[in-house]
PDB file of N, CA and C in Angstrom:
ATOM      1  N   UNK A   1       0.653  -1.062  -0.113  1.00  0.00           N
ATOM      2  CA  UNK A   1       0.002  -0.100   0.053  1.00  0.00           C
ATOM      3  C   UNK A   1       1.056   1.048  -0.028  1.00  0.00           C
ATOM      4  N   UNK A   2       1.232   1.883  -1.261  1.00  0.00           N
ATOM      5  CA  UNK A   2       1.561   3.205  -1.231  1.00  0.00           C
ATOM      6  C   UNK A   2       0.452   4.507  -0.954  1.00  0.00           C
ATOM      7  N   UNK A   3      -0.620   5.330  -0.163  1.00  0.00           N
ATOM      8  CA  UNK A   3      -1.058   6.382  -0.251  1.00  0.00           C
ATOM      9  C   UNK A   3      -0.695   7.196   0.445  1.00  0.00           C
ATOM     10  N   UNK A   4      -0.671   8.420   0.211  1.00  0.00           N
ATOM     11  CA  UNK A   4      -0.788   9.956   0.336  1.00  0.00           C
ATOM     12  C   UNK A   4      -2.111  10.860   0.072  1.00  0.00           C
ATOM     13  N   UNK A   5      -2.596  11.124   1.855  1.00  0.00           N
ATOM     14  CA  UNK A   5      -3.553  11.726   1.634  1.00  0.00           C
ATOM     15  C   UNK A   5      -2.899  13.329   2.664  1.00  0.00           C
ATOM     16  N   UNK A   6      -3.502  14.302   1.703  1.00  0.00           N
ATOM     17  CA  UNK A   6      -2.821  15.550   2.175  1.00  0.00           C
ATOM     18  C   UNK A   6      -4.580  16.563   2.261  1.00  0.00           C
ATOM     19  N   UNK A   7      -4.266  17.129   3.269  1.00  0.00           N
ATOM     20  CA  UNK A   7      -5.817  18.031   3.364  1.00  0.00           C
ATOM     21  C   UNK A   7      -4.890  19.185   3.433  1.00  0.00           C
ATOM     22  N   UNK A   8      -5.038  20.480   2.465  1.00  0.00           N
ATOM     23  CA  UNK A   8      -4.513  21.770   3.125  1.00  0.00           C
ATOM     24  C   UNK A   8      -5.743  22.801   3.143  1.00  0.00           C
ATOM     25  N   UNK A   9      -6.808  22.096   4.216  1.00  0.00           N
ATOM     26  CA  UNK A   9      -8.303  22.904   4.663  1.00  0.00           C
ATOM     27  C   UNK A   9      -7.268  22.993   5.909  1.00  0.00           C
ATOM     28  N   UNK A  10      -6.610  21.671   6.598  1.00  0.00           N
ATOM     29  CA  UNK A  10      -6.658  21.280   8.010  1.00  0.00           C
ATOM     30  C   UNK A  10      -5.094  21.188   8.120  1.00  0.00           C
ATOM     31  N   UNK A  11      -4.506  21.378   7.412  1.00  0.00           N
ATOM     32  CA  UNK A  11      -2.787  20.861   7.177  1.00  0.00           C
ATOM     33  C   UNK A  11      -2.522  19.795   7.893  1.00  0.00           C
ATOM     34  N   UNK A  12      -3.335  18.491   7.248  1.00  0.00           N
ATOM     35  CA  UNK A  12      -2.968  17.736   7.783  1.00  0.00           C
ATOM     36  C   UNK A  12      -2.006  16.356   6.416  1.00  0.00           C
ATOM     37  N   UNK A  13      -0.728  15.854   6.329  1.00  0.00           N
ATOM     38  CA  UNK A  13      -0.171  15.015   5.683  1.00  0.00           C
ATOM     39  C   UNK A  13      -0.739  13.909   6.460  1.00  0.00           C
ATOM     40  N   UNK A  14      -0.962  12.487   5.427  1.00  0.00           N
ATOM     41  CA  UNK A  14      -1.157  11.328   5.989  1.00  0.00           C
ATOM     42  C   UNK A  14      -0.974  10.188   5.227  1.00  0.00           C
ATOM     43  N   UNK A  15       0.477   9.540   5.392  1.00  0.00           N
ATOM     44  CA  UNK A  15       1.310   8.616   4.102  1.00  0.00           C
ATOM     45  C   UNK A  15       1.451   7.659   4.905  1.00  0.00           C
ATOM     46  N   UNK A  16       0.802   6.726   4.151  1.00  0.00           N
ATOM     47  CA  UNK A  16       0.285   5.321   3.966  1.00  0.00           C
ATOM     48  C   UNK A  16       1.062   4.355   3.599  1.00  0.00           C
ATOM     49  N   UNK A  17       2.085   3.732   3.793  1.00  0.00           N
ATOM     50  CA  UNK A  17       3.199   2.272   3.076  1.00  0.00           C
ATOM     51  C   UNK A  17       3.518   1.273   4.000  1.00  0.00           C
ATOM     52  N   UNK A  18       4.268   0.527   2.909  1.00  0.00           N
ATOM     53  CA  UNK A  18       4.588  -0.750   3.123  1.00  0.00           C
ATOM     54  C   UNK A  18       4.810  -1.133   4.583  1.00  0.00           C
ATOM     55  N   UNK A  19       6.247  -0.294   4.791  1.00  0.00           N
ATOM     56  CA  UNK A  19       6.706  -0.101   6.442  1.00  0.00           C
ATOM     57  C   UNK A  19       6.957   0.898   7.039  1.00  0.00           C
ATOM     58  N   UNK A  20       5.671   2.250   6.493  1.00  0.00           N
ATOM     59  CA  UNK A  20       5.367   3.385   7.275  1.00  0.00           C
ATOM     60  C   UNK A  20       4.161   3.631   7.095  1.00  0.00           C
ATOM     61  N   UNK A  21       4.114   3.876   8.328  1.00  0.00           N
ATOM     62  CA  UNK A  21       2.536   5.261   8.113  1.00  0.00           C
ATOM     63  C   UNK A  21       2.721   6.300   9.043  1.00  0.00           C
ATOM     64  N   UNK A  22       2.717   7.342   9.132  1.00  0.00           N
ATOM     65  CA  UNK A  22       2.319   9.063   9.634  1.00  0.00           C
ATOM     66  C   UNK A  22       1.408   9.458   9.093  1.00  0.00           C
ATOM     67  N   UNK A  23       0.621  10.448  10.160  1.00  0.00           N
ATOM     68  CA  UNK A  23      -0.050  11.495  10.708  1.00  0.00           C
ATOM     69  C   UNK A  23       0.426  12.406  11.082  1.00  0.00           C
ATOM     70  N   UNK A  24       0.585  13.293  10.320  1.00  0.00           N
ATOM     71  CA  UNK A  24       1.299  15.299  10.958  1.00  0.00           C
ATOM     72  C   UNK A  24      -0.290  15.671  10.592  1.00  0.00           C
ATOM     73  N   UNK A  25       0.468  17.214  10.973  1.00  0.00           N
ATOM     74  CA  UNK A  25       0.680  18.418  10.335  1.00  0.00           C
ATOM     75  C   UNK A  25       1.389  19.159   9.121  1.00  0.00           C
ATOM     76  N   UNK A  26       1.580  19.498   8.821  1.00  0.00           N
ATOM     77  CA  UNK A  26       2.818  20.376   7.765  1.00  0.00           C
ATOM     78  C   UNK A  26       2.815  22.210   7.544  1.00  0.00           C
ATOM     79  N   UNK A  27       3.639  22.511   8.015  1.00  0.00           N
ATOM     80  CA  UNK A  27       3.595  24.303   7.359  1.00  0.00           C
ATOM     81  C   UNK A  27       4.525  24.017   6.409  1.00  0.00           C
ATOM     82  N   UNK A  28       3.837  24.666   4.943  1.00  0.00           N
ATOM     83  CA  UNK A  28       5.519  25.575   4.244  1.00  0.00           C
ATOM     84  C   UNK A  28       5.207  24.526   2.971  1.00  0.00           C
ATOM     85  N   UNK A  29       4.028  24.209   3.196  1.00  0.00           N
ATOM     86  CA  UNK A  29       3.998  22.718   1.813  1.00  0.00           C
ATOM     87  C   UNK A  29       2.556  23.421   0.775  1.00  0.00           C
ATOM     88  N   UNK A  30       2.903  23.595  -0.564  1.00  0.00           N
ATOM     89  CA  UNK A  30       1.872  24.158  -1.050  1.00  0.00           C
ATOM     90  C   UNK A  30       1.519  23.408  -2.225  1.00  0.00           C
ATOM     91  N   UNK A  31       0.556  23.547  -2.861  1.00  0.00           N
ATOM     92  CA  UNK A  31      -0.456  23.235  -4.437  1.00  0.00           C
ATOM     93  C   UNK A  31       0.739  22.744  -4.855  1.00  0.00           C
ATOM     94  N   UNK A  32       1.298  24.090  -5.390  1.00  0.00           N
ATOM     95  CA  UNK A  32       1.839  24.278  -6.601  1.00  0.00           C
ATOM     96  C   UNK A  32       3.147  23.989  -6.587  1.00  0.00           C
ATOM     97  N   UNK A  33       4.004  23.195  -5.782  1.00  0.00           N
ATOM     98  CA  UNK A  33       5.280  21.913  -4.861  1.00  0.00           C
ATOM     99  C   UNK A  33       4.175  21.113  -5.960  1.00  0.00           C
ATOM    100  N   UNK A  34       2.881  20.742  -6.053  1.00  0.00           N
ATOM    101  CA  UNK A  34       3.474  19.658  -6.524  1.00  0.00           C
ATOM    102  C   UNK A  34       1.850  19.587  -7.496  1.00  0.00           C
ATOM    103  N   UNK A  35       2.190  20.814  -8.674  1.00  0.00           N
ATOM    104  CA  UNK A  35       1.737  20.775  -9.238  1.00  0.00           C
ATOM    105  C   UNK A  35       1.827  19.399  -9.982  1.00  0.00           C
ATOM    106  N   UNK A  36       2.947  18.780 -10.501  1.00  0.00           N
ATOM    107  CA  UNK A  36       2.644  17.892 -11.306  1.00  0.00           C
ATOM    108  C   UNK A  36       1.898  16.387 -11.196  1.00  0.00           C
ATOM    109  N   UNK A  37       1.604  16.418  -9.947  1.00  0.00           N
ATOM    110  CA  UNK A  37       0.821  14.840  -9.949  1.00  0.00           C
ATOM    111  C   UNK A  37      -0.446  15.562 -10.103  1.00  0.00           C
ATOM    112  N   UNK A  38      -1.123  16.709 -10.476  1.00  0.00           N
ATOM    113  CA  UNK A  38      -2.316  16.356 -10.406  1.00  0.00           C
ATOM    114  C   UNK A  38      -3.133  16.389 -11.952  1.00  0.00           C
ATOM    115  N   UNK A  39      -3.955  15.851 -12.383  1.00  0.00           N
ATOM    116  CA  UNK A  39      -4.712  15.020 -13.734  1.00  0.00           C
ATOM    117  C   UNK A  39      -4.624  16.415 -14.264  1.00  0.00           C
ATOM    118  N   UNK A  40      -5.820  17.708 -13.251  1.00  0.00           N
ATOM    119  CA  UNK A  40      -5.882  18.301 -14.233  1.00  0.00           C
ATOM    120  C   UNK A  40      -5.613  20.328 -13.084  1.00  0.00           C
ATOM    121  N   UNK A  41      -5.261  20.951 -13.670  1.00  0.00           N
ATOM    122  CA  UNK A  41      -5.410  22.654 -12.608  1.00  0.00           C
ATOM    123  C   UNK A  41      -6.580  22.928 -12.072  1.00  0.00           C
ATOM    124  N   UNK A  42      -7.423  22.331 -12.254  1.00  0.00           N
ATOM    125  CA  UNK A  42      -8.741  22.993 -11.907  1.00  0.00           C
ATOM    126  C   UNK A  42      -8.898  22.032 -10.564  1.00  0.00           C
ATOM    127  N   UNK A  43      -7.929  21.109 -10.052  1.00  0.00           N
ATOM    128  CA  UNK A  43      -8.035  19.862  -9.520  1.00  0.00           C
ATOM    129  C   UNK A  43      -7.729  20.923  -8.128  1.00  0.00           C
ATOM    130  N   UNK A  44      -6.326  21.365  -8.808  1.00  0.00           N
ATOM    131  CA  UNK A  44      -5.655  22.149  -7.474  1.00  0.00           C
ATOM    132  C   UNK A  44      -5.973  23.258  -7.915  1.00  0.00           C
ATOM    133  N   UNK A  45      -6.788  23.834  -8.105  1.00  0.00           N
ATOM    134  CA  UNK A  45      -7.231  25.425  -7.786  1.00  0.00           C
ATOM    135  C   UNK A  45      -9.086  25.547  -6.689  1.00  0.00           C
ATOM    136  N   UNK A  46      -9.471  24.370  -7.800  1.00  0.00           N
ATOM    137  CA  UNK A  46     -11.038  24.078  -6.900  1.00  0.00           C
ATOM    138  C   UNK A  46     -11.194  23.272  -5.903  1.00  0.00           C
ATOM    139  N   UNK A  47     -10.376  22.355  -5.014  1.00  0.00           N
ATOM    140  CA  UNK A  47     -10.500  21.885  -4.079  1.00  0.00           C
ATOM    141  C   UNK A  47      -9.090  21.719  -3.285  1.00  0.00           C
ATOM    142  N   UNK A  48      -9.369  20.820  -1.458  1.00  0.00           N
ATOM    143  CA  UNK A  48      -8.069  21.014  -0.806  1.00  0.00           C
ATOM    144  C   UNK A  48      -7.694  20.466  -0.239  1.00  0.00           C
ATOM    145  N   UNK A  49      -8.157  19.062  -0.709  1.00  0.00           N
ATOM    146  CA  UNK A  49      -7.689  17.850   0.596  1.00  0.00           C
ATOM    147  C   UNK A  49      -8.099  16.283  -1.035  1.00  0.00           C
ATOM    148  N   UNK A  50      -7.217  16.103  -0.454  1.00  0.00           N
ATOM    149  CA  UNK A  50      -6.591  14.873  -1.874  1.00  0.00           C
ATOM    150  C   UNK A  50      -5.793  13.798  -1.770  1.00  0.00           C
ATOM    151  N   UNK A  51      -6.386  11.817  -2.003  1.00  0.00           N
ATOM    152  CA  UNK A  51      -5.439  11.129  -1.886  1.00  0.00           C
ATOM    153  C   UNK A  51      -4.828  10.572  -3.727  1.00  0.00           C
ATOM    154  N   UNK A  52      -2.980  10.745  -3.543  1.00  0.00           N
ATOM    155  CA  UNK A  52      -2.751   9.763  -4.329  1.00  0.00           C
ATOM    156  C   UNK A  52      -2.352   8.247  -4.036  1.00  0.00           C
ATOM    157  N   UNK A  53      -2.903   7.347  -4.300  1.00  0.00           N
ATOM    158  CA  UNK A  53      -2.912   5.943  -4.200  1.00  0.00           C
ATOM    159  C   UNK A  53      -2.156   5.289  -5.599  1.00  0.00           C
ATOM    160  N   UNK A  54      -0.980   5.011  -5.303  1.00  0.00           N
ATOM    161  CA  UNK A  54      -0.004   4.830  -6.302  1.00  0.00           C
ATOM    162  C   UNK A  54       0.684   3.772  -6.436  1.00  0.00           C
ATOM    163  N   UNK A  55      -0.351   2.809  -6.350  1.00  0.00           N
ATOM    164  CA  UNK A  55      -0.254   1.563  -6.429  1.00  0.00           C
ATOM    165  C   UNK A  55      -1.671   1.437  -6.865  1.00  0.00           C
ATOM    166  N   UNK A  56      -2.972   1.905  -7.413  1.00  0.00           N
ATOM    167  CA  UNK A  56      -3.736   2.019  -8.132  1.00  0.00           C
ATOM    168  C   UNK A  56      -3.766   2.308  -9.471  1.00  0.00           C
ATOM    169  N   UNK A  57      -2.989   4.028  -9.031  1.00  0.00           N
ATOM    170  CA  UNK A  57      -2.870   4.600 -10.281  1.00  0.00           C
ATOM    171  C   UNK A  57      -3.625   5.647 -10.310  1.00  0.00           C
ATOM    172  N   UNK A  58      -4.495   5.656  -8.869  1.00  0.00           N
ATOM    173  CA  UNK A  58      -5.295   6.618  -8.656  1.00  0.00           C
ATOM    174  C   UNK A  58      -4.455   8.118  -8.701  1.00  0.00           C
ATOM    175  N   UNK A  59      -5.992   8.902  -8.810  1.00  0.00           N
ATOM    176  CA  UNK A  59      -6.101  10.334  -7.737  1.00  0.00           C
ATOM    177  C   UNK A  59      -7.862  10.550  -7.203  1.00  0.00           C
ATOM    178  N   UNK A  60      -7.704  10.425  -5.904  1.00  0.00           N
ATOM    179  CA  UNK A  60      -9.042  11.051  -5.335  1.00  0.00           C
ATOM    180  C   UNK A  60      -9.392  12.432  -5.127  1.00  0.00           C
ATOM    181  N   UNK A  61      -9.886  12.624  -5.679  1.00  0.00           N
ATOM    182  CA  UNK A  61     -10.049  14.500  -3.999  1.00  0.00           C
ATOM    183  C   UNK A  61     -11.178  14.104  -3.047  1.00  0.00           C
ATOM    184  N   UNK A  62     -10.609  14.305  -1.810  1.00  0.00           N
ATOM    185  CA  UNK A  62     -11.755  14.153  -0.962  1.00  0.00           C
ATOM    186  C   UNK A  62     -12.730  15.096  -0.651  1.00  0.00           C
ATOM    187  N   UNK A  63     -13.824  15.386   0.141  1.00  0.00           N
ATOM    188  CA  UNK A  63     -15.050  16.275   0.570  1.00  0.00           C
ATOM    189  C   UNK A  63     -14.148  16.681   1.125  1.00  0.00           C
ATOM    190  N   UNK A  64     -14.468  18.354   1.245  1.00  0.00           N
ATOM    191  CA  UNK A  64     -13.552  19.219   1.897  1.00  0.00           C
ATOM    192  C   UNK A  64     -14.471  18.891   3.037  1.00  0.00           C
ATOM    193  N   UNK A  65     -13.612  19.199   4.361  1.00  0.00           N
ATOM    194  CA  UNK A  65     -14.237  19.439   5.733  1.00  0.00           C
ATOM    195  C   UNK A  65     -15.204  17.870   5.882  1.00  0.00           C
ATOM    196  N   UNK A  66     -15.199  17.284   5.761  1.00  0.00           N
ATOM    197  CA  UNK A  66     -15.611  15.552   5.915  1.00  0.00           C
ATOM    198  C   UNK A  66     -15.101  14.349   5.984  1.00  0.00           C
ATOM    199  N   UNK A  67     -14.378  14.609   7.470  1.00  0.00           N
ATOM    200  CA  UNK A  67     -13.711  13.441   7.803  1.00  0.00           C
ATOM    201  C   UNK A  67     -13.697  12.563   9.056  1.00  0.00           C
ATOM    202  N   UNK A  68     -13.417  11.580   9.263  1.00  0.00           N
ATOM    203  CA  UNK A  68     -13.998  10.863  10.669  1.00  0.00           C
ATOM    204  C   UNK A  68     -12.552  10.065  11.065  1.00  0.00           C
ATOM    205  N   UNK A  69     -12.498  10.425  13.036  1.00  0.00           N
ATOM    206  CA  UNK A  69     -11.462  10.491  13.040  1.00  0.00           C
ATOM    207  C   UNK A  69     -11.561   9.076  14.094  1.00  0.00           C
ATOM    208  N   UNK A  70     -11.385   8.481  13.386  1.00  0.00           N
ATOM    209  CA  UNK A  70     -11.909   6.168  14.704  1.00  0.00           C
ATOM    210  C   UNK A  70     -11.250   6.050  15.518  1.00  0.00           C
ATOM    211  N   UNK A  71     -12.031   5.546  16.018  1.00  0.00           N
ATOM    212  CA  UNK A  71     -11.630   5.147  17.717  1.00  0.00           C
ATOM    213  C   UNK A  71     -10.719   4.887  17.579  1.00  0.00           C
ATOM    214  N   UNK A  72      -9.563   4.847  16.751  1.00  0.00           N
ATOM    215  CA  UNK A  72      -7.893   3.992  16.708  1.00  0.00           C
ATOM    216  C   UNK A  72      -7.187   5.643  16.869  1.00  0.00           C
ATOM    217  N   UNK A  73      -7.736   6.224  15.917  1.00  0.00           N
ATOM    218  CA  UNK A  73      -7.301   7.800  16.506  1.00  0.00           C
ATOM    219  C   UNK A  73      -7.329   7.922  14.438  1.00  0.00           C
ATOM    220  N   UNK A  74      -7.149   7.050  13.914  1.00  0.00           N
ATOM    221  CA  UNK A  74      -7.279   7.170  12.424  1.00  0.00           C
ATOM    222  C   UNK A  74      -7.587   8.084  11.854  1.00  0.00           C
ATOM    223  N   UNK A  75      -7.302   8.986  11.321  1.00  0.00           N
ATOM    224  CA  UNK A  75      -8.317   9.928  10.087  1.00  0.00           C
ATOM    225  C   UNK A  75      -8.931   9.486   8.621  1.00  0.00           C
ATOM    226  N   UNK A  76      -9.717   9.633   8.665  1.00  0.00           N
ATOM    227  CA  UNK A  76     -10.656   8.874   7.388  1.00  0.00           C
ATOM    228  C   UNK A  76     -11.303  10.037   6.401  1.00  0.00           C
ATOM    229  N   UNK A  77     -10.978  10.210   5.318  1.00  0.00           N
ATOM    230  CA  UNK A  77     -11.266  10.719   4.068  1.00  0.00           C
ATOM    231  C   UNK A  77     -13.026  10.316   3.362  1.00  0.00           C
ATOM    232  N   UNK A  78     -13.240  10.991   2.592  1.00  0.00           N
ATOM    233  CA  UNK A  78     -14.921  10.868   2.286  1.00  0.00           C
ATOM    234  C   UNK A  78     -14.769  10.945   0.476  1.00  0.00           C
ATOM    235  N   UNK A  79     -13.990  10.053  -0.378  1.00  0.00           N
ATOM    236  CA  UNK A  79     -13.902  10.628  -1.063  1.00  0.00           C
ATOM    237  C   UNK A  79     -15.047  11.906  -2.356  1.00  0.00           C
ATOM    238  N   UNK A  80     -14.737  11.762  -3.332  1.00  0.00           N
ATOM    239  CA  UNK A  80     -15.826  12.677  -4.123  1.00  0.00           C
ATOM    240  C   UNK A  80     -15.701  12.366  -5.100  1.00  0.00           C
ATOM    241  N   UNK A  81     -13.717  12.379  -5.867  1.00  0.00           N
ATOM    242  CA  UNK A  81     -14.344  12.473  -7.351  1.00  0.00           C
ATOM    243  C   UNK A  81     -12.768  10.912  -7.113  1.00  0.00           C
ATOM    244  N   UNK A  82     -13.038  10.039  -8.081  1.00  0.00           N
ATOM    245  CA  UNK A  82     -11.989   8.968  -8.571  1.00  0.00           C
ATOM    246  C   UNK A  82     -11.673   8.934  -9.374  1.00  0.00           C
ATOM    247  N   UNK A  83     -10.483   9.285 -10.428  1.00  0.00           N
ATOM    248  CA  UNK A  83      -9.803  10.126 -11.411  1.00  0.00           C
ATOM    249  C   UNK A  83      -8.584   9.145 -11.773  1.00  0.00           C
ATOM    250  N   UNK A  84      -8.305   7.881 -13.143  1.00  0.00           N
ATOM    251  CA  UNK A  84      -7.309   7.185 -13.202  1.00  0.00           C
ATOM    252  C   UNK A  84      -6.113   8.241 -14.028  1.00  0.00           C
ATOM    253  N   UNK A  85      -4.999   8.065 -13.049  1.00  0.00           N
ATOM    254  CA  UNK A  85      -3.772   8.708 -13.560  1.00  0.00           C
ATOM    255  C   UNK A  85      -2.794   7.440 -13.890  1.00  0.00           C
ATOM    256  N   UNK A  86      -2.872   7.292 -15.271  1.00  0.00           N
ATOM    257  CA  UNK A  86      -1.639   5.584 -15.365  1.00  0.00           C
ATOM    258  C   UNK A  86      -0.962   6.738 -14.913  1.00  0.00           C
ATOM    259  N   UNK A  87       0.771   5.302 -14.660  1.00  0.00           N
ATOM    260  CA  UNK A  87       1.505   5.447 -14.976  1.00  0.00           C
ATOM    261  C   UNK A  87       2.254   6.124 -13.530  1.00  0.00           C
ATOM    262  N   UNK A  88       0.990   6.906 -12.852  1.00  0.00           N
ATOM    263  CA  UNK A  88       1.407   7.595 -10.833  1.00  0.00           C
ATOM    264  C   UNK A  88       2.148   7.034 -10.372  1.00  0.00           C
ATOM    265  N   UNK A  89       2.225   5.289 -10.259  1.00  0.00           N
ATOM    266  CA  UNK A  89       3.136   4.699  -9.331  1.00  0.00           C
ATOM    267  C   UNK A  89       4.535   5.080 -10.530  1.00  0.00           C
ATOM    268  N   UNK A  90       5.160   5.391 -11.246  1.00  0.00           N
ATOM    269  CA  UNK A  90       6.755   5.807 -11.260  1.00  0.00           C
ATOM    270  C   UNK A  90       7.016   6.467 -11.121  1.00  0.00           C
ATOM    271  N   UNK A  91       5.894   7.086 -10.329  1.00  0.00           N
ATOM    272  CA  UNK A  91       6.426   8.908 -10.263  1.00  0.00           C
ATOM    273  C   UNK A  91       6.202   8.964  -8.231  1.00  0.00           C
ATOM    274  N   UNK A  92       6.169   8.080  -7.651  1.00  0.00           N
ATOM    275  CA  UNK A  92       5.631   7.543  -5.992  1.00  0.00           C
ATOM    276  C   UNK A  92       7.438   8.305  -5.456  1.00  0.00           C
ATOM    277  N   UNK A  93       9.138   7.892  -6.237  1.00  0.00           N
ATOM    278  CA  UNK A  93       9.381   8.902  -5.228  1.00  0.00           C
ATOM    279  C   UNK A  93       9.471   9.976  -5.209  1.00  0.00           C
ATOM    280  N   UNK A  94       9.502  11.003  -7.095  1.00  0.00           N
ATOM    281  CA  UNK A  94       9.171  12.015  -7.114  1.00  0.00           C
ATOM    282  C   UNK A  94       8.513  12.902  -6.296  1.00  0.00           C
ATOM    283  N   UNK A  95       7.420  12.290  -5.531  1.00  0.00           N
ATOM    284  CA  UNK A  95       6.407  12.514  -5.464  1.00  0.00           C
ATOM    285  C   UNK A  95       6.867  12.432  -3.682  1.00  0.00           C
ATOM    286  N   UNK A  96       7.563  10.903  -2.765  1.00  0.00           N
ATOM    287  CA  UNK A  96       7.722  11.410  -1.738  1.00  0.00           C
ATOM    288  C   UNK A  96       8.688  12.004  -1.119  1.00  0.00           C
ATOM    289  N   UNK A  97       9.848  12.902  -1.851  1.00  0.00           N
ATOM    290  CA  UNK A  97      11.043  13.686  -2.328  1.00  0.00           C
ATOM    291  C   UNK A  97      10.310  14.750  -1.849  1.00  0.00           C
ATOM    292  N   UNK A  98       9.395  15.124  -2.375  1.00  0.00           N
ATOM    293  CA  UNK A  98       9.051  16.208  -2.258  1.00  0.00           C
ATOM    294  C   UNK A  98       8.109  16.754  -0.735  1.00  0.00           C
ATOM    295  N   UNK A  99       7.063  15.450  -0.235  1.00  0.00           N
ATOM    296  CA  UNK A  99       6.328  15.751   0.858  1.00  0.00           C
ATOM    297  C   UNK A  99       6.713  15.471   1.876  1.00  0.00           C
ATOM    298  N   UNK A 100       8.328  14.581   1.787  1.00  0.00           N
ATOM    299  CA  UNK A 100       8.890  14.697   2.948  1.00  0.00           C
ATOM    300  C   UNK A 100      10.266  15.346   3.826  1.00  0.00           C
ATOM    301  N   UNK A 101       9.952  16.316   2.456  1.00  0.00           N
ATOM    302  CA  UNK A 101      10.892  17.868   3.296  1.00  0.00           C
ATOM    303  C   UNK A 101      10.279  18.422   4.208  1.00  0.00           C
ATOM    304  N   UNK A 102       8.380  19.182   4.315  1.00  0.00           N
ATOM    305  CA  UNK A 102       7.684  19.440   5.633  1.00  0.00           C
ATOM    306  C   UNK A 102       8.403  18.969   6.650  1.00  0.00           C
TER     307      UNK A 102
END
């Protein structure tokens, strides 16, 4: 599993990988830093919460301001749009290099 969720409204970064899982607040990460990882510019401008699923090669737009915190403390987001992004898995290392700097 290699997914990254970024909630720009609440400044939350959630990373789920095979040997790594982390949820934390961030400062300084801007959507513009990730522009090449959006399927279209309109998603970057019109929404604030996203999930990139690098295993399934899909980009998910999450519903803004709708999240659930489970009993275990995990944050879960509700998908609004699911968009195929062929070859997204090839960009995983580049993506992680950007988000791990925050």
